[in-house]
């Protein structure tokens, strides 16, 4: 899914969680095996829209 350039993650922790989740899923697809160190909750992919703030163009600056 394409994420517009003017979106920002609400926190670096959210970015890390999403990135790890998608990389783990990609590894499963390419290698056919889940990473043995992952917990079940890490396997749930969170939609990008839930991790992003309001676009910069819609924010008001005072």
PDB file of N, CA and C in Angstrom:
ATOM      1  N   UNK A   1       0.846  -1.188   0.000  1.00  0.00           N
ATOM      2  CA  UNK A   1       0.000   0.000   0.000  1.00  0.00           C
ATOM      3  C   UNK A   1       0.881   1.237   0.000  1.00  0.00           C
ATOM      4  N   UNK A   2       0.565   2.197  -0.837  1.00  0.00           N
ATOM      5  CA  UNK A   2       1.334   3.431  -0.917  1.00  0.00           C
ATOM      6  C   UNK A   2       0.946   4.368   0.216  1.00  0.00           C
ATOM      7  N   UNK A   3       1.936   4.903   0.889  1.00  0.00           N
ATOM      8  CA  UNK A   3       1.709   5.878   1.952  1.00  0.00           C
ATOM      9  C   UNK A   3       2.163   7.238   1.425  1.00  0.00           C
ATOM     10  N   UNK A   4       1.268   8.240   1.412  1.00  0.00           N
ATOM     11  CA  UNK A   4       1.644   9.560   0.908  1.00  0.00           C
ATOM     12  C   UNK A   4       2.840  10.145   1.662  1.00  0.00           C
ATOM     13  N   UNK A   5       3.639  10.938   0.948  1.00  0.00           N
ATOM     14  CA  UNK A   5       4.850  11.520   1.531  1.00  0.00           C
ATOM     15  C   UNK A   5       4.576  12.434   2.709  1.00  0.00           C
ATOM     16  N   UNK A   6       3.395  13.050   2.765  1.00  0.00           N
ATOM     17  CA  UNK A   6       3.133  14.017   3.838  1.00  0.00           C
ATOM     18  C   UNK A   6       2.525  13.370   5.082  1.00  0.00           C
ATOM     19  N   UNK A   7       2.506  12.051   5.169  1.00  0.00           N
ATOM     20  CA  UNK A   7       2.063  11.372   6.382  1.00  0.00           C
ATOM     21  C   UNK A   7       3.254  11.136   7.297  1.00  0.00           C
ATOM     22  N   UNK A   8       2.983  11.151   8.596  1.00  0.00           N
ATOM     23  CA  UNK A   8       4.011  10.868   9.591  1.00  0.00           C
ATOM     24  C   UNK A   8       3.464   9.831  10.562  1.00  0.00           C
ATOM     25  N   UNK A   9       4.357   8.991  11.068  1.00  0.00           N
ATOM     26  CA  UNK A   9       3.943   8.047  12.099  1.00  0.00           C
ATOM     27  C   UNK A   9       3.742   8.794  13.409  1.00  0.00           C
ATOM     28  N   UNK A  10       2.770   8.359  14.186  1.00  0.00           N
ATOM     29  CA  UNK A  10       2.473   9.005  15.456  1.00  0.00           C
ATOM     30  C   UNK A  10       3.632   8.874  16.432  1.00  0.00           C
ATOM     31  N   UNK A  11       4.426   7.817  16.321  1.00  0.00           N
ATOM     32  CA  UNK A  11       5.611   7.661  17.163  1.00  0.00           C
ATOM     33  C   UNK A  11       6.566   6.682  16.497  1.00  0.00           C
ATOM     34  N   UNK A  12       7.811   6.732  16.894  1.00  0.00           N
ATOM     35  CA  UNK A  12       8.808   5.813  16.343  1.00  0.00           C
ATOM     36  C   UNK A  12       8.494   4.378  16.750  1.00  0.00           C
ATOM     37  N   UNK A  13       7.881   4.197  17.919  1.00  0.00           N
ATOM     38  CA  UNK A  13       7.515   2.850  18.353  1.00  0.00           C
ATOM     39  C   UNK A  13       6.486   2.237  17.409  1.00  0.00           C
ATOM     40  N   UNK A  14       5.519   3.036  16.957  1.00  0.00           N
ATOM     41  CA  UNK A  14       4.522   2.538  16.014  1.00  0.00           C
ATOM     42  C   UNK A  14       5.182   2.166  14.693  1.00  0.00           C
ATOM     43  N   UNK A  15       6.106   3.005  14.238  1.00  0.00           N
ATOM     44  CA  UNK A  15       6.829   2.698  13.006  1.00  0.00           C
ATOM     45  C   UNK A  15       7.570   1.375  13.135  1.00  0.00           C
ATOM     46  N   UNK A  16       8.292   1.195  14.248  1.00  0.00           N
ATOM     47  CA  UNK A  16       9.049  -0.041  14.470  1.00  0.00           C
ATOM     48  C   UNK A  16       8.136  -1.261  14.477  1.00  0.00           C
ATOM     49  N   UNK A  17       6.993  -1.161  15.138  1.00  0.00           N
ATOM     50  CA  UNK A  17       6.069  -2.294  15.230  1.00  0.00           C
ATOM     51  C   UNK A  17       5.525  -2.659  13.849  1.00  0.00           C
ATOM     52  N   UNK A  18       5.126  -1.646  13.086  1.00  0.00           N
ATOM     53  CA  UNK A  18       4.593  -1.896  11.749  1.00  0.00           C
ATOM     54  C   UNK A  18       5.673  -2.469  10.841  1.00  0.00           C
ATOM     55  N   UNK A  19       6.858  -1.873  10.872  1.00  0.00           N
ATOM     56  CA  UNK A  19       7.951  -2.353  10.022  1.00  0.00           C
ATOM     57  C   UNK A  19       8.310  -3.798  10.361  1.00  0.00           C
ATOM     58  N   UNK A  20       8.447  -4.103  11.638  1.00  0.00           N
ATOM     59  CA  UNK A  20       8.770  -5.471  12.047  1.00  0.00           C
ATOM     60  C   UNK A  20       7.691  -6.455  11.606  1.00  0.00           C
ATOM     61  N   UNK A  21       6.446  -6.054  11.754  1.00  0.00           N
ATOM     62  CA  UNK A  21       5.329  -6.910  11.390  1.00  0.00           C
ATOM     63  C   UNK A  21       5.337  -7.230   9.896  1.00  0.00           C
ATOM     64  N   UNK A  22       5.528  -6.194   9.070  1.00  0.00           N
ATOM     65  CA  UNK A  22       5.531  -6.409   7.626  1.00  0.00           C
ATOM     66  C   UNK A  22       6.764  -7.180   7.173  1.00  0.00           C
ATOM     67  N   UNK A  23       7.912  -6.928   7.772  1.00  0.00           N
ATOM     68  CA  UNK A  23       9.111  -7.679   7.422  1.00  0.00           C
ATOM     69  C   UNK A  23       8.986  -9.146   7.818  1.00  0.00           C
ATOM     70  N   UNK A  24       8.383  -9.406   8.970  1.00  0.00           N
ATOM     71  CA  UNK A  24       8.154 -10.794   9.385  1.00  0.00           C
ATOM     72  C   UNK A  24       7.232 -11.504   8.397  1.00  0.00           C
ATOM     73  N   UNK A  25       6.190 -10.830   7.972  1.00  0.00           N
ATOM     74  CA  UNK A  25       5.251 -11.441   7.019  1.00  0.00           C
ATOM     75  C   UNK A  25       5.939 -11.682   5.681  1.00  0.00           C
ATOM     76  N   UNK A  26       6.749 -10.741   5.235  1.00  0.00           N
ATOM     77  CA  UNK A  26       7.485 -10.916   3.984  1.00  0.00           C
ATOM     78  C   UNK A  26       8.432 -12.109   4.082  1.00  0.00           C
ATOM     79  N   UNK A  27       9.099 -12.251   5.224  1.00  0.00           N
ATOM     80  CA  UNK A  27       9.985 -13.382   5.446  1.00  0.00           C
ATOM     81  C   UNK A  27       9.210 -14.702   5.373  1.00  0.00           C
ATOM     82  N   UNK A  28       8.012 -14.736   5.948  1.00  0.00           N
ATOM     83  CA  UNK A  28       7.176 -15.938   5.876  1.00  0.00           C
ATOM     84  C   UNK A  28       6.824 -16.276   4.430  1.00  0.00           C
ATOM     85  N   UNK A  29       6.483 -15.253   3.660  1.00  0.00           N
ATOM     86  CA  UNK A  29       6.096 -15.467   2.263  1.00  0.00           C
ATOM     87  C   UNK A  29       7.287 -15.987   1.451  1.00  0.00           C
ATOM     88  N   UNK A  30       8.447 -15.350   1.630  1.00  0.00           N
ATOM     89  CA  UNK A  30       9.616 -15.724   0.841  1.00  0.00           C
ATOM     90  C   UNK A  30      10.257 -17.030   1.286  1.00  0.00           C
ATOM     91  N   UNK A  31      10.305 -17.274   2.584  1.00  0.00           N
ATOM     92  CA  UNK A  31      11.011 -18.441   3.109  1.00  0.00           C
ATOM     93  C   UNK A  31      10.077 -19.581   3.504  1.00  0.00           C
ATOM     94  N   UNK A  32       8.804 -19.277   3.673  1.00  0.00           N
ATOM     95  CA  UNK A  32       7.848 -20.308   4.021  1.00  0.00           C
ATOM     96  C   UNK A  32       7.814 -20.669   5.490  1.00  0.00           C
ATOM     97  N   UNK A  33       8.593 -19.975   6.311  1.00  0.00           N
ATOM     98  CA  UNK A  33       8.627 -20.284   7.738  1.00  0.00           C
ATOM     99  C   UNK A  33       8.563 -19.001   8.557  1.00  0.00           C
ATOM    100  N   UNK A  34       7.790 -19.016   9.639  1.00  0.00           N
ATOM    101  CA  UNK A  34       7.789 -17.861  10.532  1.00  0.00           C
ATOM    102  C   UNK A  34       9.079 -17.810  11.344  1.00  0.00           C
ATOM    103  N   UNK A  35       9.435 -16.641  11.777  1.00  0.00           N
ATOM    104  CA  UNK A  35      10.603 -16.473  12.642  1.00  0.00           C
ATOM    105  C   UNK A  35      10.284 -17.091  13.999  1.00  0.00           C
ATOM    106  N   UNK A  36      11.101 -18.039  14.485  1.00  0.00           N
ATOM    107  CA  UNK A  36      10.780 -18.724  15.744  1.00  0.00           C
ATOM    108  C   UNK A  36      10.778 -17.802  16.962  1.00  0.00           C
ATOM    109  N   UNK A  37      11.408 -16.632  16.876  1.00  0.00           N
ATOM    110  CA  UNK A  37      11.458 -15.714  18.004  1.00  0.00           C
ATOM    111  C   UNK A  37      10.247 -14.808  18.118  1.00  0.00           C
ATOM    112  N   UNK A  38       9.348 -14.872  17.153  1.00  0.00           N
ATOM    113  CA  UNK A  38       8.184 -13.979  17.160  1.00  0.00           C
ATOM    114  C   UNK A  38       7.078 -14.517  18.048  1.00  0.00           C
ATOM    115  N   UNK A  39       6.379 -13.592  18.685  1.00  0.00           N
ATOM    116  CA  UNK A  39       5.200 -13.982  19.458  1.00  0.00           C
ATOM    117  C   UNK A  39       3.978 -13.900  18.545  1.00  0.00           C
ATOM    118  N   UNK A  40       2.893 -14.497  18.960  1.00  0.00           N
ATOM    119  CA  UNK A  40       1.675 -14.524  18.144  1.00  0.00           C
ATOM    120  C   UNK A  40       1.137 -13.124  17.891  1.00  0.00           C
ATOM    121  N   UNK A  41       1.261 -12.223  18.867  1.00  0.00           N
ATOM    122  CA  UNK A  41       0.711 -10.876  18.682  1.00  0.00           C
ATOM    123  C   UNK A  41       1.479 -10.083  17.642  1.00  0.00           C
ATOM    124  N   UNK A  42       2.752 -10.406  17.402  1.00  0.00           N
ATOM    125  CA  UNK A  42       3.533  -9.721  16.380  1.00  0.00           C
ATOM    126  C   UNK A  42       3.118 -10.114  14.973  1.00  0.00           C
ATOM    127  N   UNK A  43       2.404 -11.239  14.835  1.00  0.00           N
ATOM    128  CA  UNK A  43       2.016 -11.723  13.527  1.00  0.00           C
ATOM    129  C   UNK A  43       0.812 -10.988  12.948  1.00  0.00           C
ATOM    130  N   UNK A  44       0.141 -10.200  13.748  1.00  0.00           N
ATOM    131  CA  UNK A  44      -1.035  -9.467  13.291  1.00  0.00           C
ATOM    132  C   UNK A  44      -0.580  -8.211  12.555  1.00  0.00           C
ATOM    133  N   UNK A  45      -0.989  -8.082  11.306  1.00  0.00           N
ATOM    134  CA  UNK A  45      -0.631  -6.907  10.525  1.00  0.00           C
ATOM    135  C   UNK A  45      -1.633  -5.799  10.805  1.00  0.00           C
ATOM    136  N   UNK A  46      -1.131  -4.648  11.166  1.00  0.00           N
ATOM    137  CA  UNK A  46      -1.967  -3.502  11.483  1.00  0.00           C
ATOM    138  C   UNK A  46      -2.032  -2.620  10.241  1.00  0.00           C
ATOM    139  N   UNK A  47      -3.232  -2.230   9.820  1.00  0.00           N
ATOM    140  CA  UNK A  47      -3.340  -1.363   8.639  1.00  0.00           C
ATOM    141  C   UNK A  47      -2.557  -0.060   8.836  1.00  0.00           C
ATOM    142  N   UNK A  48      -1.909   0.392   7.785  1.00  0.00           N
ATOM    143  CA  UNK A  48      -1.135   1.635   7.862  1.00  0.00           C
ATOM    144  C   UNK A  48      -1.983   2.795   8.369  1.00  0.00           C
ATOM    145  N   UNK A  49      -3.240   2.846   7.959  1.00  0.00           N
ATOM    146  CA  UNK A  49      -4.083   3.978   8.326  1.00  0.00           C
ATOM    147  C   UNK A  49      -4.246   4.126   9.834  1.00  0.00           C
ATOM    148  N   UNK A  50      -4.119   3.043  10.577  1.00  0.00           N
ATOM    149  CA  UNK A  50      -4.247   3.114  12.027  1.00  0.00           C
ATOM    150  C   UNK A  50      -2.966   3.616  12.689  1.00  0.00           C
ATOM    151  N   UNK A  51      -1.873   3.653  11.957  1.00  0.00           N
ATOM    152  CA  UNK A  51      -0.594   4.047  12.516  1.00  0.00           C
ATOM    153  C   UNK A  51      -0.189   5.469  12.129  1.00  0.00           C
ATOM    154  N   UNK A  52      -0.974   6.094  11.281  1.00  0.00           N
ATOM    155  CA  UNK A  52      -0.582   7.390  10.749  1.00  0.00           C
ATOM    156  C   UNK A  52      -1.380   8.527  11.362  1.00  0.00           C
ATOM    157  N   UNK A  53      -0.719   9.668  11.444  1.00  0.00           N
ATOM    158  CA  UNK A  53      -1.391  10.873  11.923  1.00  0.00           C
ATOM    159  C   UNK A  53      -2.108  11.562  10.773  1.00  0.00           C
ATOM    160  N   UNK A  54      -2.701  12.670  11.089  1.00  0.00           N
ATOM    161  CA  UNK A  54      -3.328  13.511  10.077  1.00  0.00           C
ATOM    162  C   UNK A  54      -2.261  13.980   9.095  1.00  0.00           C
ATOM    163  N   UNK A  55      -2.572  14.011   7.791  1.00  0.00           N
ATOM    164  CA  UNK A  55      -1.583  14.499   6.828  1.00  0.00           C
ATOM    165  C   UNK A  55      -1.121  15.909   7.178  1.00  0.00           C
ATOM    166  N   UNK A  56       0.126  16.195   6.892  1.00  0.00           N
ATOM    167  CA  UNK A  56       0.699  17.509   7.207  1.00  0.00           C
ATOM    168  C   UNK A  56      -0.112  18.636   6.572  1.00  0.00           C
ATOM    169  N   UNK A  57      -0.648  18.395   5.389  1.00  0.00           N
ATOM    170  CA  UNK A  57      -1.421  19.434   4.704  1.00  0.00           C
ATOM    171  C   UNK A  57      -2.715  19.785   5.426  1.00  0.00           C
ATOM    172  N   UNK A  58      -3.206  18.916   6.314  1.00  0.00           N
ATOM    173  CA  UNK A  58      -4.446  19.175   7.041  1.00  0.00           C
ATOM    174  C   UNK A  58      -4.202  19.676   8.461  1.00  0.00           C
ATOM    175  N   UNK A  59      -2.952  19.740   8.897  1.00  0.00           N
ATOM    176  CA  UNK A  59      -2.655  20.215  10.247  1.00  0.00           C
ATOM    177  C   UNK A  59      -2.627  21.736  10.279  1.00  0.00           C
ATOM    178  N   UNK A  60      -3.041  22.291  11.395  1.00  0.00           N
ATOM    179  CA  UNK A  60      -2.967  23.742  11.537  1.00  0.00           C
ATOM    180  C   UNK A  60      -1.762  24.086  12.405  1.00  0.00           C
ATOM    181  N   UNK A  61      -1.021  25.076  11.975  1.00  0.00           N
ATOM    182  CA  UNK A  61       0.154  25.524  12.714  1.00  0.00           C
ATOM    183  C   UNK A  61      -0.122  26.919  13.244  1.00  0.00           C
ATOM    184  N   UNK A  62       0.162  27.103  14.530  1.00  0.00           N
ATOM    185  CA  UNK A  62      -0.084  28.424  15.131  1.00  0.00           C
ATOM    186  C   UNK A  62       1.203  29.043  15.558  1.00  0.00           C
TER     187      UNK A  62
END
